[in-house]
Amino acid sequence: MSDGYPTAAQKEALRLICDHEPMPAHRLAGELVATRRPSTNPGYTPAAARMAGTLVWRLQAQGFIVETPAGGWATTAEGRALIACPA
């Protein structure tokens, strides 16, 4: 992760959250796996799940997403502006 600047992976996760909010972290992991080329590596899906957790933690720390009362993630105005996601 970069210091304060969203990475391509963070922007991709932000786009997925914006398109499907509120989105639980476990669903984000599934969406991240689905948007990439398939892999025969048995560790691929668990690694994507861990990456999803790291991405949401960083996006929340940067103020681009917030946790909903139901435990999902939703974009903030700043997050939507970053990726030009409609309100």
N, C-alpha and C. Protein backbone atom coordinates (compact mmCIF):
# COMPACT_ATOMS: atom_id res chain seq x y z
N MET A 1 0.84 -1.18 0.00
CA MET A 1 0.00 0.00 0.00
C MET A 1 0.88 1.24 0.00
N SER A 2 0.43 2.23 -0.66
CA SER A 2 1.21 3.46 -0.74
C SER A 2 0.79 4.42 0.37
N ASP A 3 1.63 5.36 0.67
CA ASP A 3 1.37 6.31 1.75
C ASP A 3 0.34 7.35 1.35
N GLY A 4 -0.93 7.07 1.62
CA GLY A 4 -1.98 8.04 1.37
C GLY A 4 -2.50 8.10 -0.04
N TYR A 5 -1.85 7.42 -0.96
CA TYR A 5 -2.30 7.43 -2.35
C TYR A 5 -2.89 6.06 -2.68
N PRO A 6 -4.14 6.02 -3.12
CA PRO A 6 -4.77 4.73 -3.40
C PRO A 6 -4.06 3.99 -4.55
N THR A 7 -3.86 2.71 -4.35
CA THR A 7 -3.26 1.87 -5.37
C THR A 7 -4.34 1.42 -6.35
N ALA A 8 -3.92 0.78 -7.42
CA ALA A 8 -4.88 0.25 -8.41
C ALA A 8 -5.81 -0.77 -7.75
N ALA A 9 -5.25 -1.62 -6.88
CA ALA A 9 -6.08 -2.61 -6.19
C ALA A 9 -7.09 -1.94 -5.26
N GLN A 10 -6.67 -0.88 -4.58
CA GLN A 10 -7.60 -0.15 -3.71
C GLN A 10 -8.72 0.49 -4.53
N LYS A 11 -8.36 1.06 -5.67
CA LYS A 11 -9.39 1.67 -6.52
C LYS A 11 -10.34 0.63 -7.07
N GLU A 12 -9.81 -0.54 -7.41
CA GLU A 12 -10.67 -1.63 -7.89
C GLU A 12 -11.65 -2.06 -6.80
N ALA A 13 -11.15 -2.22 -5.57
CA ALA A 13 -12.03 -2.60 -4.46
C ALA A 13 -13.05 -1.50 -4.19
N LEU A 14 -12.63 -0.26 -4.26
CA LEU A 14 -13.54 0.87 -4.05
C LEU A 14 -14.64 0.87 -5.11
N ARG A 15 -14.28 0.59 -6.36
CA ARG A 15 -15.25 0.52 -7.44
C ARG A 15 -16.26 -0.60 -7.18
N LEU A 16 -15.77 -1.76 -6.76
CA LEU A 16 -16.67 -2.88 -6.47
C LEU A 16 -17.62 -2.54 -5.32
N ILE A 17 -17.10 -1.90 -4.29
CA ILE A 17 -17.95 -1.51 -3.17
C ILE A 17 -18.98 -0.50 -3.62
N CYS A 18 -18.56 0.48 -4.40
CA CYS A 18 -19.47 1.52 -4.88
C CYS A 18 -20.58 0.91 -5.73
N ASP A 19 -20.24 -0.05 -6.57
CA ASP A 19 -21.21 -0.66 -7.46
C ASP A 19 -22.19 -1.58 -6.75
N HIS A 20 -21.81 -2.11 -5.57
CA HIS A 20 -22.63 -3.11 -4.89
C HIS A 20 -22.87 -2.79 -3.41
N GLU A 21 -22.79 -1.53 -3.01
CA GLU A 21 -22.87 -1.24 -1.58
C GLU A 21 -24.28 -1.37 -1.04
N PRO A 22 -24.39 -1.68 0.24
CA PRO A 22 -23.30 -2.03 1.17
C PRO A 22 -22.78 -3.43 0.87
N MET A 23 -21.50 -3.60 0.94
CA MET A 23 -20.88 -4.87 0.58
C MET A 23 -20.09 -5.43 1.75
N PRO A 24 -20.41 -6.65 2.18
CA PRO A 24 -19.61 -7.29 3.23
C PRO A 24 -18.22 -7.65 2.70
N ALA A 25 -17.24 -7.69 3.58
CA ALA A 25 -15.86 -7.99 3.17
C ALA A 25 -15.76 -9.35 2.50
N HIS A 26 -16.50 -10.36 2.97
CA HIS A 26 -16.41 -11.68 2.35
C HIS A 26 -16.94 -11.66 0.92
N ARG A 27 -17.92 -10.83 0.64
CA ARG A 27 -18.42 -10.71 -0.74
C ARG A 27 -17.40 -9.98 -1.61
N LEU A 28 -16.72 -8.99 -1.02
CA LEU A 28 -15.68 -8.29 -1.76
C LEU A 28 -14.60 -9.27 -2.20
N ALA A 29 -14.24 -10.19 -1.33
CA ALA A 29 -13.24 -11.19 -1.69
C ALA A 29 -13.70 -12.00 -2.89
N GLY A 30 -14.95 -12.42 -2.89
CA GLY A 30 -15.48 -13.18 -4.01
C GLY A 30 -15.50 -12.38 -5.30
N GLU A 31 -15.86 -11.11 -5.19
CA GLU A 31 -15.89 -10.25 -6.38
C GLU A 31 -14.49 -10.01 -6.93
N LEU A 32 -13.51 -9.85 -6.04
CA LEU A 32 -12.12 -9.66 -6.49
C LEU A 32 -11.62 -10.90 -7.24
N VAL A 33 -11.95 -12.09 -6.73
CA VAL A 33 -11.55 -13.32 -7.39
C VAL A 33 -12.25 -13.43 -8.75
N ALA A 34 -13.53 -13.08 -8.80
CA ALA A 34 -14.31 -13.21 -10.04
C ALA A 34 -13.84 -12.26 -11.14
N THR A 35 -13.27 -11.12 -10.77
CA THR A 35 -12.86 -10.15 -11.78
C THR A 35 -11.46 -10.42 -12.34
N ARG A 36 -10.78 -11.40 -11.78
CA ARG A 36 -9.43 -11.73 -12.24
C ARG A 36 -9.42 -13.03 -13.03
N ARG A 37 -8.32 -13.26 -13.74
CA ARG A 37 -8.16 -14.53 -14.45
C ARG A 37 -8.16 -15.67 -13.45
N PRO A 38 -8.74 -16.79 -13.80
CA PRO A 38 -8.73 -17.95 -12.90
C PRO A 38 -7.30 -18.44 -12.64
N SER A 39 -7.13 -19.07 -11.51
CA SER A 39 -5.83 -19.61 -11.15
C SER A 39 -5.98 -21.04 -10.67
N THR A 40 -5.01 -21.88 -10.98
CA THR A 40 -5.01 -23.26 -10.49
C THR A 40 -4.29 -23.37 -9.14
N ASN A 41 -3.74 -22.27 -8.66
CA ASN A 41 -3.05 -22.26 -7.38
C ASN A 41 -4.08 -22.40 -6.26
N PRO A 42 -3.97 -23.43 -5.41
CA PRO A 42 -4.95 -23.62 -4.35
C PRO A 42 -4.94 -22.50 -3.30
N GLY A 43 -3.90 -21.73 -3.24
CA GLY A 43 -3.82 -20.64 -2.27
C GLY A 43 -4.37 -19.32 -2.78
N TYR A 44 -4.81 -19.31 -4.02
CA TYR A 44 -5.25 -18.07 -4.67
C TYR A 44 -6.48 -17.46 -3.99
N THR A 45 -7.52 -18.24 -3.81
CA THR A 45 -8.75 -17.70 -3.21
C THR A 45 -8.54 -17.26 -1.76
N PRO A 46 -7.87 -18.04 -0.91
CA PRO A 46 -7.61 -17.55 0.44
C PRO A 46 -6.77 -16.27 0.47
N ALA A 47 -5.82 -16.17 -0.47
CA ALA A 47 -5.00 -14.96 -0.52
C ALA A 47 -5.85 -13.76 -0.92
N ALA A 48 -6.78 -13.95 -1.85
CA ALA A 48 -7.68 -12.86 -2.25
C ALA A 48 -8.55 -12.42 -1.09
N ALA A 49 -9.00 -13.36 -0.28
CA ALA A 49 -9.81 -13.02 0.90
C ALA A 49 -9.00 -12.19 1.89
N ARG A 50 -7.75 -12.55 2.09
CA ARG A 50 -6.89 -11.76 2.98
C ARG A 50 -6.65 -10.38 2.39
N MET A 51 -6.45 -10.31 1.08
CA MET A 51 -6.22 -9.03 0.43
C MET A 51 -7.44 -8.14 0.58
N ALA A 52 -8.64 -8.71 0.47
CA ALA A 52 -9.87 -7.91 0.62
C ALA A 52 -9.91 -7.27 2.00
N GLY A 53 -9.55 -8.02 3.02
CA GLY A 53 -9.53 -7.47 4.37
C GLY A 53 -8.54 -6.33 4.51
N THR A 54 -7.37 -6.48 3.91
CA THR A 54 -6.36 -5.43 3.95
C THR A 54 -6.82 -4.19 3.18
N LEU A 55 -7.44 -4.42 2.03
CA LEU A 55 -7.91 -3.30 1.21
C LEU A 55 -8.97 -2.48 1.95
N VAL A 56 -9.94 -3.16 2.58
CA VAL A 56 -10.99 -2.39 3.27
C VAL A 56 -10.43 -1.66 4.48
N TRP A 57 -9.47 -2.27 5.16
CA TRP A 57 -8.86 -1.60 6.31
C TRP A 57 -8.19 -0.30 5.85
N ARG A 58 -7.45 -0.37 4.76
CA ARG A 58 -6.73 0.81 4.26
C ARG A 58 -7.70 1.86 3.72
N LEU A 59 -8.72 1.42 2.97
CA LEU A 59 -9.70 2.37 2.43
C LEU A 59 -10.47 3.07 3.55
N GLN A 60 -10.76 2.34 4.62
CA GLN A 60 -11.43 2.96 5.76
C GLN A 60 -10.49 3.96 6.45
N ALA A 61 -9.24 3.59 6.62
CA ALA A 61 -8.27 4.49 7.25
C ALA A 61 -8.08 5.76 6.44
N GLN A 62 -8.20 5.66 5.12
CA GLN A 62 -8.05 6.83 4.25
C GLN A 62 -9.35 7.63 4.13
N GLY A 63 -10.44 7.13 4.71
CA GLY A 63 -11.71 7.85 4.69
C GLY A 63 -12.52 7.67 3.41
N PHE A 64 -12.21 6.61 2.63
CA PHE A 64 -12.93 6.39 1.38
C PHE A 64 -14.14 5.48 1.54
N ILE A 65 -14.19 4.69 2.62
CA ILE A 65 -15.34 3.85 2.91
C ILE A 65 -15.64 3.93 4.41
N VAL A 66 -16.87 3.55 4.75
CA VAL A 66 -17.28 3.46 6.15
C VAL A 66 -18.00 2.13 6.35
N GLU A 67 -17.96 1.63 7.57
CA GLU A 67 -18.67 0.41 7.89
C GLU A 67 -20.12 0.74 8.19
N THR A 68 -21.02 -0.04 7.64
CA THR A 68 -22.45 0.18 7.87
C THR A 68 -22.87 -0.53 9.16
N PRO A 69 -24.02 -0.16 9.73
CA PRO A 69 -24.48 -0.83 10.95
C PRO A 69 -24.64 -2.35 10.77
N ALA A 70 -24.93 -2.79 9.55
CA ALA A 70 -25.10 -4.23 9.28
C ALA A 70 -23.77 -4.95 9.07
N GLY A 71 -22.66 -4.23 9.11
CA GLY A 71 -21.34 -4.83 8.97
C GLY A 71 -20.80 -4.85 7.55
N GLY A 72 -21.45 -4.17 6.63
CA GLY A 72 -20.95 -4.07 5.27
C GLY A 72 -20.12 -2.81 5.10
N TRP A 73 -19.72 -2.53 3.87
CA TRP A 73 -18.93 -1.35 3.56
C TRP A 73 -19.67 -0.50 2.55
N ALA A 74 -19.60 0.81 2.74
CA ALA A 74 -20.21 1.77 1.82
C ALA A 74 -19.19 2.88 1.55
N THR A 75 -19.25 3.43 0.36
CA THR A 75 -18.31 4.49 0.00
C THR A 75 -18.72 5.82 0.63
N THR A 76 -17.74 6.65 0.88
CA THR A 76 -18.00 8.01 1.35
C THR A 76 -18.03 8.93 0.13
N ALA A 77 -18.39 10.17 0.34
CA ALA A 77 -18.38 11.14 -0.76
C ALA A 77 -16.97 11.25 -1.36
N GLU A 78 -15.95 11.21 -0.50
CA GLU A 78 -14.57 11.29 -0.98
C GLU A 78 -14.21 10.06 -1.81
N GLY A 79 -14.66 8.89 -1.37
CA GLY A 79 -14.39 7.68 -2.12
C GLY A 79 -15.07 7.68 -3.48
N ARG A 80 -16.32 8.12 -3.51
CA ARG A 80 -17.04 8.20 -4.79
C ARG A 80 -16.38 9.20 -5.71
N ALA A 81 -15.94 10.33 -5.18
CA ALA A 81 -15.27 11.35 -6.02
C ALA A 81 -13.96 10.82 -6.59
N LEU A 82 -13.23 10.03 -5.81
CA LEU A 82 -11.95 9.50 -6.25
C LEU A 82 -12.10 8.66 -7.52
N ILE A 83 -13.16 7.87 -7.60
CA ILE A 83 -13.33 6.97 -8.75
C ILE A 83 -14.47 7.41 -9.65
N ALA A 84 -14.99 8.61 -9.44
CA ALA A 84 -16.09 9.15 -10.25
C ALA A 84 -17.30 8.22 -10.24
N CYS A 85 -17.65 7.75 -9.06
CA CYS A 85 -18.81 6.86 -8.89
C CYS A 85 -20.02 7.74 -8.58
N PRO A 86 -21.13 7.54 -9.29
CA PRO A 86 -22.30 8.38 -9.03
C PRO A 86 -22.82 8.18 -7.60
N ALA A 87 -23.38 9.22 -7.05
CA ALA A 87 -23.90 9.20 -5.68
C ALA A 87 -25.15 8.37 -5.57
